[in-house]
């Protein structure tokens, strides 16, 4: 089933924003023209689940991810098609150290 089937779009139908806490870097890197986008590779140590995502114009967050400290993220879920392969990815909206005031 398609997670987007029957979903309404438009100004009155804003995408759900998710928050995940206590995550660790697992291979995040900079991509794109002038290396200004963040290709997110992140792991939830409590479950071992590895998640991929993208943060457009968010290269400044790589330093926090590379620190080894746990981070919290805000994101949307979206489908990604790359080289004819469909996957689910996180669209990063914000990132903070987990122990920073929210």
N, C-alpha and C. Protein backbone atom coordinates (compact mmCIF):
# COMPACT_ATOMS: atom_id res chain seq x y z
N UNK A 1 0.83 -1.19 0.00
CA UNK A 1 0.00 0.00 0.00
C UNK A 1 0.87 1.24 0.00
N UNK A 2 0.37 2.27 -0.58
CA UNK A 2 1.10 3.53 -0.69
C UNK A 2 0.71 4.43 0.48
N UNK A 3 1.71 4.88 1.25
CA UNK A 3 1.40 5.69 2.42
C UNK A 3 0.80 7.04 2.04
N UNK A 4 0.93 7.43 0.77
CA UNK A 4 0.39 8.71 0.33
C UNK A 4 -1.01 8.59 -0.25
N UNK A 5 -1.49 7.38 -0.49
CA UNK A 5 -2.80 7.18 -1.11
C UNK A 5 -3.90 7.79 -0.24
N UNK A 6 -4.72 8.61 -0.85
CA UNK A 6 -5.84 9.21 -0.13
C UNK A 6 -5.45 10.36 0.77
N UNK A 7 -4.20 10.76 0.72
CA UNK A 7 -3.73 11.84 1.59
C UNK A 7 -4.00 13.19 0.94
N UNK A 8 -4.54 14.08 1.70
CA UNK A 8 -4.85 15.42 1.20
C UNK A 8 -3.60 16.30 1.26
N UNK A 9 -3.46 17.14 0.25
CA UNK A 9 -2.34 18.09 0.21
C UNK A 9 -2.88 19.50 0.11
N UNK A 10 -2.05 20.47 0.43
CA UNK A 10 -2.45 21.86 0.34
C UNK A 10 -2.17 22.58 1.65
N UNK A 11 -2.37 23.89 1.67
CA UNK A 11 -2.04 24.70 2.84
C UNK A 11 -2.75 24.26 4.12
N UNK A 12 -3.95 23.69 3.99
CA UNK A 12 -4.69 23.28 5.18
C UNK A 12 -4.25 21.90 5.67
N UNK A 13 -3.43 21.19 4.90
CA UNK A 13 -3.03 19.82 5.21
C UNK A 13 -1.51 19.72 5.33
N UNK A 14 -1.00 20.22 6.41
CA UNK A 14 0.44 20.26 6.64
C UNK A 14 0.94 18.87 7.00
N UNK A 15 2.14 18.53 6.49
CA UNK A 15 2.74 17.23 6.79
C UNK A 15 3.00 17.09 8.28
N UNK A 16 2.89 15.88 8.76
CA UNK A 16 3.16 15.58 10.16
C UNK A 16 4.64 15.80 10.45
N UNK A 17 4.95 16.42 11.56
CA UNK A 17 6.33 16.61 12.01
C UNK A 17 6.58 15.61 13.13
N UNK A 18 7.65 14.82 12.94
CA UNK A 18 8.06 13.83 13.93
C UNK A 18 9.27 14.31 14.68
N UNK A 19 9.45 13.79 15.90
CA UNK A 19 10.62 14.10 16.71
C UNK A 19 11.19 12.79 17.24
N UNK A 20 12.49 12.62 17.11
CA UNK A 20 13.18 11.45 17.66
C UNK A 20 14.35 11.94 18.49
N UNK A 21 14.56 11.30 19.64
CA UNK A 21 15.60 11.71 20.59
C UNK A 21 16.63 10.60 20.79
N UNK A 22 17.80 10.99 21.28
CA UNK A 22 18.83 10.02 21.65
C UNK A 22 19.44 9.28 20.49
N UNK A 23 19.61 9.95 19.36
CA UNK A 23 20.14 9.32 18.15
C UNK A 23 21.63 9.58 18.01
N UNK A 24 22.31 8.68 17.30
CA UNK A 24 23.75 8.81 17.07
C UNK A 24 24.07 8.80 15.58
N UNK A 25 25.12 9.51 15.21
CA UNK A 25 25.58 9.56 13.83
C UNK A 25 26.02 8.18 13.36
N UNK A 26 25.66 7.84 12.14
CA UNK A 26 26.14 6.59 11.55
C UNK A 26 26.46 6.81 10.08
N UNK A 27 27.34 7.74 9.83
CA UNK A 27 27.79 7.97 8.46
C UNK A 27 27.21 9.17 7.77
N UNK A 28 26.81 10.19 8.50
CA UNK A 28 26.31 11.41 7.86
C UNK A 28 27.46 12.09 7.12
N UNK A 29 27.10 12.76 6.01
CA UNK A 29 28.13 13.43 5.21
C UNK A 29 27.50 14.59 4.44
N UNK A 30 28.35 15.42 3.87
CA UNK A 30 27.88 16.55 3.07
C UNK A 30 27.78 16.14 1.61
N UNK A 31 26.74 16.63 0.94
CA UNK A 31 26.51 16.31 -0.47
C UNK A 31 26.04 17.55 -1.21
N UNK A 32 25.98 17.44 -2.53
CA UNK A 32 25.40 18.49 -3.36
C UNK A 32 26.41 19.56 -3.73
N UNK A 33 25.91 20.48 -4.52
CA UNK A 33 26.74 21.58 -4.97
C UNK A 33 27.25 22.37 -3.76
N UNK A 34 28.54 22.61 -3.72
CA UNK A 34 29.20 23.32 -2.62
C UNK A 34 29.05 22.62 -1.28
N UNK A 35 28.70 21.32 -1.30
CA UNK A 35 28.61 20.52 -0.08
C UNK A 35 27.72 21.18 0.97
N UNK A 36 26.59 21.75 0.54
CA UNK A 36 25.74 22.48 1.49
C UNK A 36 24.58 21.67 2.05
N UNK A 37 24.39 20.44 1.55
CA UNK A 37 23.29 19.60 2.03
C UNK A 37 23.85 18.49 2.92
N UNK A 38 23.06 18.09 3.90
CA UNK A 38 23.46 17.05 4.84
C UNK A 38 22.75 15.75 4.49
N UNK A 39 23.52 14.74 4.11
CA UNK A 39 22.97 13.39 3.89
C UNK A 39 23.05 12.70 5.24
N UNK A 40 21.91 12.47 5.82
CA UNK A 40 21.80 11.99 7.19
C UNK A 40 21.87 10.47 7.25
N UNK A 41 22.76 9.98 8.08
CA UNK A 41 22.82 8.58 8.45
C UNK A 41 22.79 8.55 9.96
N UNK A 42 21.74 8.01 10.54
CA UNK A 42 21.55 8.15 11.99
C UNK A 42 21.00 6.84 12.56
N UNK A 43 21.41 6.52 13.78
CA UNK A 43 21.02 5.26 14.42
C UNK A 43 20.34 5.53 15.75
N UNK A 44 19.29 4.77 16.01
CA UNK A 44 18.65 4.78 17.32
C UNK A 44 19.32 3.66 18.12
N UNK A 45 20.19 4.01 19.10
CA UNK A 45 20.93 2.97 19.83
C UNK A 45 20.03 2.05 20.66
N UNK A 46 18.83 2.48 20.99
CA UNK A 46 17.94 1.63 21.79
C UNK A 46 17.32 0.50 20.96
N UNK A 47 17.25 0.69 19.63
CA UNK A 47 16.65 -0.33 18.77
C UNK A 47 17.62 -0.87 17.72
N UNK A 48 18.69 -0.11 17.45
CA UNK A 48 19.63 -0.49 16.40
C UNK A 48 19.16 -0.10 15.01
N UNK A 49 18.02 0.57 14.91
CA UNK A 49 17.48 0.96 13.61
C UNK A 49 18.30 2.12 13.05
N UNK A 50 18.72 1.95 11.79
CA UNK A 50 19.47 2.98 11.08
C UNK A 50 18.51 3.68 10.12
N UNK A 51 18.54 5.01 10.12
CA UNK A 51 17.65 5.78 9.27
C UNK A 51 18.47 6.69 8.37
N UNK A 52 17.98 6.90 7.15
CA UNK A 52 18.61 7.80 6.19
C UNK A 52 17.73 9.01 6.00
N UNK A 53 18.36 10.13 5.69
CA UNK A 53 17.58 11.33 5.45
C UNK A 53 18.39 12.37 4.73
N UNK A 54 17.75 13.50 4.51
CA UNK A 54 18.40 14.63 3.84
C UNK A 54 18.00 15.92 4.55
N UNK A 55 18.96 16.79 4.71
CA UNK A 55 18.72 18.13 5.25
C UNK A 55 19.25 19.14 4.26
N UNK A 56 18.36 19.74 3.49
CA UNK A 56 18.78 20.70 2.48
C UNK A 56 19.28 21.98 3.15
N UNK A 57 20.43 22.45 2.71
CA UNK A 57 21.11 23.65 3.26
C UNK A 57 21.33 23.50 4.77
N UNK A 58 21.67 22.31 5.23
CA UNK A 58 21.87 22.05 6.66
C UNK A 58 23.26 21.49 6.95
N UNK A 59 24.24 21.84 6.14
CA UNK A 59 25.60 21.34 6.33
C UNK A 59 26.17 21.73 7.69
N UNK A 60 25.68 22.81 8.26
CA UNK A 60 26.18 23.29 9.56
C UNK A 60 25.90 22.31 10.70
N UNK A 61 25.02 21.34 10.49
CA UNK A 61 24.71 20.37 11.55
C UNK A 61 25.70 19.20 11.60
N UNK A 62 26.57 19.07 10.60
CA UNK A 62 27.49 17.93 10.58
C UNK A 62 28.42 17.94 11.79
N UNK A 63 28.82 19.11 12.24
CA UNK A 63 29.70 19.20 13.42
C UNK A 63 29.04 18.58 14.65
N UNK A 64 27.77 18.87 14.87
CA UNK A 64 27.05 18.28 16.01
C UNK A 64 26.97 16.76 15.87
N UNK A 65 26.66 16.29 14.67
CA UNK A 65 26.55 14.85 14.45
C UNK A 65 27.89 14.15 14.66
N UNK A 66 28.97 14.83 14.28
CA UNK A 66 30.30 14.23 14.38
C UNK A 66 30.88 14.26 15.79
N UNK A 67 30.21 14.92 16.71
CA UNK A 67 30.72 15.08 18.08
C UNK A 67 30.65 13.79 18.88
N UNK A 68 29.81 12.85 18.46
CA UNK A 68 29.62 11.61 19.21
C UNK A 68 28.53 11.72 20.26
N UNK A 69 27.99 12.92 20.47
CA UNK A 69 26.91 13.12 21.43
C UNK A 69 25.57 12.74 20.80
N UNK A 70 24.62 12.36 21.64
CA UNK A 70 23.28 12.05 21.16
C UNK A 70 22.59 13.32 20.68
N UNK A 71 21.80 13.16 19.61
CA UNK A 71 21.06 14.29 19.05
C UNK A 71 19.58 13.97 19.00
N UNK A 72 18.78 15.04 18.92
CA UNK A 72 17.34 14.96 18.71
C UNK A 72 17.07 15.63 17.37
N UNK A 73 16.12 15.07 16.61
CA UNK A 73 15.80 15.65 15.31
C UNK A 73 14.30 15.86 15.15
N UNK A 74 13.96 16.86 14.36
CA UNK A 74 12.59 17.09 13.87
C UNK A 74 12.62 16.81 12.38
N UNK A 75 11.60 16.10 11.87
CA UNK A 75 11.62 15.71 10.47
C UNK A 75 10.22 15.34 9.95
N UNK A 76 10.12 15.35 8.64
CA UNK A 76 8.97 14.78 7.93
C UNK A 76 9.43 13.46 7.34
N UNK A 77 8.51 12.56 7.08
CA UNK A 77 8.81 11.35 6.32
C UNK A 77 8.42 11.61 4.87
N UNK A 78 9.26 11.15 3.96
CA UNK A 78 8.94 11.30 2.54
C UNK A 78 9.50 10.12 1.76
N UNK A 79 8.92 9.90 0.60
CA UNK A 79 9.46 8.84 -0.24
C UNK A 79 10.56 9.44 -1.12
N UNK A 80 11.56 8.62 -1.38
CA UNK A 80 12.70 9.02 -2.17
C UNK A 80 12.89 8.00 -3.28
N UNK A 81 13.07 8.49 -4.50
CA UNK A 81 13.38 7.60 -5.62
C UNK A 81 14.75 8.01 -6.13
N UNK A 82 15.70 7.08 -6.06
CA UNK A 82 17.06 7.33 -6.52
C UNK A 82 17.51 6.12 -7.31
N UNK A 83 17.86 6.36 -8.58
CA UNK A 83 18.25 5.27 -9.49
C UNK A 83 17.19 4.18 -9.55
N UNK A 84 15.95 4.61 -9.67
CA UNK A 84 14.78 3.72 -9.77
C UNK A 84 14.55 2.87 -8.53
N UNK A 85 15.14 3.24 -7.41
CA UNK A 85 14.92 2.51 -6.16
C UNK A 85 14.11 3.40 -5.23
N UNK A 86 12.97 2.89 -4.77
CA UNK A 86 12.07 3.63 -3.88
C UNK A 86 12.43 3.32 -2.43
N UNK A 87 12.56 4.37 -1.63
CA UNK A 87 12.84 4.19 -0.20
C UNK A 87 12.15 5.28 0.60
N UNK A 88 12.07 5.08 1.89
CA UNK A 88 11.53 6.08 2.80
C UNK A 88 12.71 6.83 3.41
N UNK A 89 12.63 8.15 3.44
CA UNK A 89 13.71 8.92 4.03
C UNK A 89 13.15 10.01 4.93
N UNK A 90 13.99 10.48 5.82
CA UNK A 90 13.65 11.58 6.70
C UNK A 90 14.02 12.89 6.01
N UNK A 91 13.15 13.87 6.06
CA UNK A 91 13.48 15.22 5.57
C UNK A 91 13.74 16.05 6.82
N UNK A 92 15.00 16.29 7.11
CA UNK A 92 15.42 16.96 8.34
C UNK A 92 14.93 18.40 8.37
N UNK A 93 14.34 18.78 9.51
CA UNK A 93 13.88 20.15 9.73
C UNK A 93 14.74 20.87 10.75
N UNK A 94 15.21 20.13 11.78
CA UNK A 94 16.06 20.71 12.81
C UNK A 94 16.79 19.60 13.54
N UNK A 95 17.91 19.96 14.16
CA UNK A 95 18.74 19.01 14.89
C UNK A 95 19.38 19.73 16.07
N UNK A 96 19.34 19.10 17.24
CA UNK A 96 19.96 19.66 18.46
C UNK A 96 20.59 18.52 19.24
N UNK A 97 21.54 18.87 20.11
CA UNK A 97 22.01 17.88 21.06
C UNK A 97 20.83 17.48 21.93
N UNK A 98 20.75 16.20 22.30
CA UNK A 98 19.62 15.72 23.09
C UNK A 98 19.51 16.41 24.44
N UNK A 99 20.64 16.86 24.99
CA UNK A 99 20.58 17.50 26.32
C UNK A 99 20.43 19.03 26.23
N UNK A 100 20.25 19.58 25.03
CA UNK A 100 19.99 21.01 24.86
C UNK A 100 18.54 21.28 25.20
N UNK A 101 18.24 22.46 25.72
CA UNK A 101 16.82 22.81 25.94
C UNK A 101 16.07 22.78 24.62
N UNK A 102 14.87 22.21 24.63
CA UNK A 102 14.07 22.10 23.42
C UNK A 102 13.24 23.35 23.30
